[in-house]
Amino acid sequence: MVKEQIILGIDPGTTIMGYGLLKVTDNSAELLAMGVLDLKKYSNHYLKLQRIFARTLSLIDEFHPDCMAIEAPFFGKNVQSMLKLGRAQGVAMSAALYRDIPITEYAPLKIKMAITGSGNSSKEQVSDMLRRILKIPKENMLPQLDASDGLAAAYCHFLQAGRPVSGKEYSGWKDFIAKNETKVKPNKKTKLNL
C-alpha cells in the first residue's frame, strides 16, 4: 500500500514569509509548491499578522497538508525583532491549529544540518542542495531564499519520519495548552473554549 503525505513547511517572517509543500509517497518526496508572502508593502504590524494567518490558512485549504513543519525563532540580540518574529510564527501556527494540523518546530541549525550536513550552511547552500535533492530545475527556483527556507523545513520533517523528533509537536489547541501549561495560565476572567 502506498502511503501519501503532504508536508507544509513555513519560514515565518514579518517582511517575507516563505513556504514550501512536499508530497511524500513512501520514501520519496517531490515538490508540490513553494513561494513567498511579501509583506513589505504593509506598514501596520497587525495587518501583516492577519495576512500571515490568511495565507497560511489558504495554503492549508488548497493543499490539505497532513502536518506543518515550521522554523523556530532563533535567539538574536534585537528583542523587538525577536518579538515580531515570534508573533509571525505564532500566527502561522494558529492557522494550522485552527484546521487541526499537527505542527513540529525545528531550530534553524537542525534544518541546515538535515539538508546540508552542516549547521553553518548559508541560505544559498541550503537552496542549492534542495534543488539538487528534489531535482528542481534552476529556472523554477525563486530568487527569495525564504521560499527555499520554508521548503527546507518541510524536507527536514520528511527526513525525520520514523525517527524520534527533538522539536516541539502539537496536535491541536488542547495539546498546545497541555504542553505549555506553565506558560498558559488563565486567570478568573479568561475563558478557554476547548
Protein backbone atom coordinates (compact mmCIF):
# COMPACT_ATOMS: atom_id res chain seq x y z
CA MET A 1 0.00 0.00 0.00
CA VAL A 2 1.34 3.44 -0.97
CA LYS A 3 1.27 5.92 1.88
CA GLU A 4 0.99 9.54 0.83
CA GLN A 5 1.53 12.57 2.97
CA ILE A 6 1.69 16.30 2.30
CA ILE A 7 4.01 18.43 4.43
CA LEU A 8 3.70 22.21 4.65
CA GLY A 9 6.92 23.98 5.61
CA ILE A 10 6.90 27.56 6.84
CA ASP A 11 9.73 30.05 7.30
CA PRO A 12 7.96 32.74 9.34
CA GLY A 13 8.80 36.39 8.91
CA THR A 14 7.20 39.82 9.15
CA THR A 15 8.82 41.08 5.95
CA ILE A 16 8.67 37.87 3.90
CA MET A 17 7.13 34.54 4.88
CA GLY A 18 8.45 31.60 2.89
CA TYR A 19 6.60 28.34 2.36
CA GLY A 20 7.11 25.03 0.63
CA LEU A 21 4.93 21.97 0.19
CA LEU A 22 6.15 18.43 -0.35
CA LYS A 23 4.21 15.40 -1.46
CA VAL A 24 5.67 12.30 0.15
CA THR A 25 4.96 8.86 -1.28
CA ASP A 26 6.62 6.03 0.65
CA ASN A 27 10.26 7.16 0.95
CA SER A 28 10.16 9.67 -1.89
CA ALA A 29 9.48 13.41 -1.69
CA GLU A 30 8.57 15.74 -4.51
CA LEU A 31 7.92 19.47 -4.68
CA LEU A 32 4.26 20.48 -4.83
CA ALA A 33 4.67 24.24 -4.46
CA MET A 34 6.83 26.91 -2.92
CA GLY A 35 6.54 30.63 -2.67
CA VAL A 36 6.62 33.71 -0.52
CA LEU A 37 4.18 36.10 1.05
CA ASP A 38 5.71 39.55 0.59
CA LEU A 39 4.66 41.79 3.48
CA LYS A 40 6.92 44.77 2.76
CA LYS A 41 4.08 46.92 1.46
CA TYR A 42 2.25 46.81 4.80
CA SER A 43 3.38 49.21 7.49
CA ASN A 44 0.88 48.03 10.11
CA HIS A 45 2.31 45.06 12.04
CA TYR A 46 -1.15 43.73 12.92
CA LEU A 47 -2.19 43.76 9.26
CA LYS A 48 0.95 41.74 8.48
CA LEU A 49 -0.08 39.18 11.10
CA GLN A 50 -3.56 38.99 9.58
CA ARG A 51 -2.05 38.39 6.13
CA ILE A 52 0.20 35.62 7.51
CA PHE A 53 -2.80 33.90 9.10
CA ALA A 54 -4.92 34.23 5.95
CA ARG A 55 -2.17 32.98 3.59
CA THR A 56 -1.31 30.02 5.82
CA LEU A 57 -4.99 29.11 6.05
CA SER A 58 -5.39 29.37 2.26
CA LEU A 59 -2.38 27.05 1.73
CA ILE A 60 -3.91 24.55 4.15
CA ASP A 61 -7.30 24.74 2.43
CA GLU A 62 -5.76 24.39 -1.05
CA PHE A 63 -3.24 21.59 -0.44
CA HIS A 64 -4.71 19.79 2.63
CA PRO A 65 -1.36 19.08 4.33
CA ASP A 66 -1.14 16.30 6.89
CA CYS A 67 1.31 18.27 9.01
CA MET A 68 3.22 21.54 9.28
CA ALA A 69 6.93 21.97 9.89
CA ILE A 70 7.92 25.46 10.99
CA GLU A 71 11.25 27.09 11.65
CA ALA A 72 11.54 28.10 15.30
CA PRO A 73 12.70 31.64 16.05
CA PHE A 74 16.40 31.90 16.79
CA PHE A 75 17.68 33.98 19.67
CA GLY A 76 19.10 37.26 18.47
CA LYS A 77 20.27 40.46 20.05
CA ASN A 78 17.33 42.61 18.93
CA VAL A 79 14.44 41.91 21.30
CA GLN A 80 11.88 43.79 19.17
CA SER A 81 12.78 41.76 16.06
CA MET A 82 12.50 38.53 18.04
CA LEU A 83 9.11 39.54 19.39
CA LYS A 84 7.81 40.30 15.88
CA LEU A 85 9.22 37.04 14.51
CA GLY A 86 7.67 35.09 17.38
CA ARG A 87 4.31 36.68 16.65
CA ALA A 88 4.60 35.76 12.96
CA GLN A 89 5.41 32.17 13.89
CA GLY A 90 2.54 32.07 16.39
CA VAL A 91 0.03 33.34 13.83
CA ALA A 92 1.11 30.72 11.25
CA MET A 93 0.87 28.05 13.96
CA SER A 94 -2.59 29.31 14.93
CA ALA A 95 -3.81 28.82 11.35
CA ALA A 96 -2.60 25.20 11.42
CA LEU A 97 -4.09 24.59 14.85
CA TYR A 98 -7.36 26.11 13.63
CA ARG A 99 -7.50 23.36 10.99
CA ASP A 100 -6.23 20.65 13.40
CA ILE A 101 -2.94 20.25 11.52
CA PRO A 102 -0.13 18.83 13.70
CA ILE A 103 2.89 21.13 13.99
CA THR A 104 6.56 20.42 14.56
CA GLU A 105 9.09 23.18 15.22
CA TYR A 106 12.68 22.85 14.07
CA ALA A 107 15.61 25.04 15.03
CA PRO A 108 17.35 26.69 12.07
CA LEU A 109 20.53 24.77 12.92
CA LYS A 110 18.69 21.43 12.80
CA ILE A 111 17.16 22.28 9.41
CA LYS A 112 20.55 23.23 7.94
CA MET A 113 22.13 20.08 9.36
CA ALA A 114 19.37 17.91 7.88
CA ILE A 115 19.70 19.42 4.40
CA THR A 116 23.43 20.06 4.03
CA GLY A 117 25.08 18.21 6.89
CA SER A 118 26.41 21.49 8.32
CA GLY A 119 24.75 23.90 10.73
CA ASN A 120 26.90 26.71 9.31
CA SER A 121 25.48 26.46 5.79
CA SER A 122 24.32 29.62 4.05
CA LYS A 123 20.78 30.08 2.74
CA GLU A 124 22.21 29.75 -0.76
CA GLN A 125 23.80 26.39 0.06
CA VAL A 126 20.54 25.09 1.56
CA SER A 127 18.61 26.26 -1.51
CA ASP A 128 21.08 24.68 -3.94
CA MET A 129 21.09 21.37 -2.04
CA LEU A 130 17.28 21.25 -2.04
CA ARG A 131 17.25 21.99 -5.77
CA ARG A 132 19.58 19.06 -6.39
CA ILE A 133 17.85 16.63 -3.99
CA LEU A 134 14.35 17.37 -5.27
CA LYS A 135 15.51 17.72 -8.91
CA ILE A 136 14.02 21.19 -9.28
CA PRO A 137 15.08 22.96 -12.49
CA LYS A 138 17.15 26.10 -11.78
CA GLU A 139 14.61 28.30 -13.54
CA ASN A 140 11.91 27.13 -11.10
CA MET A 141 13.84 28.27 -8.04
CA LEU A 142 12.64 31.57 -6.61
CA PRO A 143 15.11 34.41 -6.00
CA GLN A 144 13.73 34.89 -2.48
CA LEU A 145 15.57 32.38 -0.30
CA ASP A 146 12.71 32.49 2.21
CA ALA A 147 10.80 30.16 -0.14
CA SER A 148 13.57 27.55 -0.08
CA ASP A 149 13.83 28.02 3.70
CA GLY A 150 10.15 27.07 4.02
CA LEU A 151 10.76 24.09 1.75
CA ALA A 152 13.79 23.17 3.86
CA ALA A 153 11.59 22.98 6.98
CA ALA A 154 9.25 20.59 5.13
CA TYR A 155 12.15 18.45 3.86
CA CYS A 156 13.73 18.34 7.33
CA HIS A 157 10.42 16.99 8.64
CA PHE A 158 10.35 14.39 5.86
CA LEU A 159 13.85 13.25 6.86
CA GLN A 160 12.73 12.91 10.49
CA ALA A 161 9.95 10.44 9.57
CA GLY A 162 10.32 7.30 11.62
CA ARG A 163 12.93 8.88 13.86
CA PRO A 164 12.46 10.48 17.26
CA VAL A 165 11.74 14.17 16.78
CA SER A 166 13.55 16.58 19.02
CA GLY A 167 11.34 19.53 18.09
CA LYS A 168 8.10 20.53 19.76
CA GLU A 169 4.98 18.89 18.34
CA TYR A 170 1.36 19.98 18.79
CA SER A 171 -1.67 18.05 17.53
CA GLY A 172 -4.24 20.72 18.37
CA TRP A 173 -5.16 23.50 20.80
CA LYS A 174 -5.62 21.17 23.77
CA ASP A 175 -2.23 19.58 23.14
CA PHE A 176 -0.61 23.02 22.76
CA ILE A 177 -2.04 24.17 26.09
CA ALA A 178 -1.13 20.91 27.84
CA LYS A 179 2.49 21.15 26.67
CA ASN A 180 2.73 24.82 27.58
CA GLU A 181 0.73 24.61 30.79
CA THR A 182 3.19 26.68 32.78
CA LYS A 183 3.09 29.39 30.12
CA VAL A 184 -0.69 29.44 29.64
CA LYS A 185 -2.36 30.11 32.97
CA PRO A 186 -5.87 31.51 32.51
CA ASN A 187 -7.00 33.96 35.15
CA LYS A 188 -10.54 34.18 36.51
CA LYS A 189 -11.66 36.39 33.59
CA THR A 190 -10.16 34.15 30.90
CA LYS A 191 -12.35 31.51 29.34
CA LEU A 192 -10.80 28.82 27.19
CA ASN A 193 -13.25 27.00 24.93
CA LEU A 194 -11.60 23.74 24.03
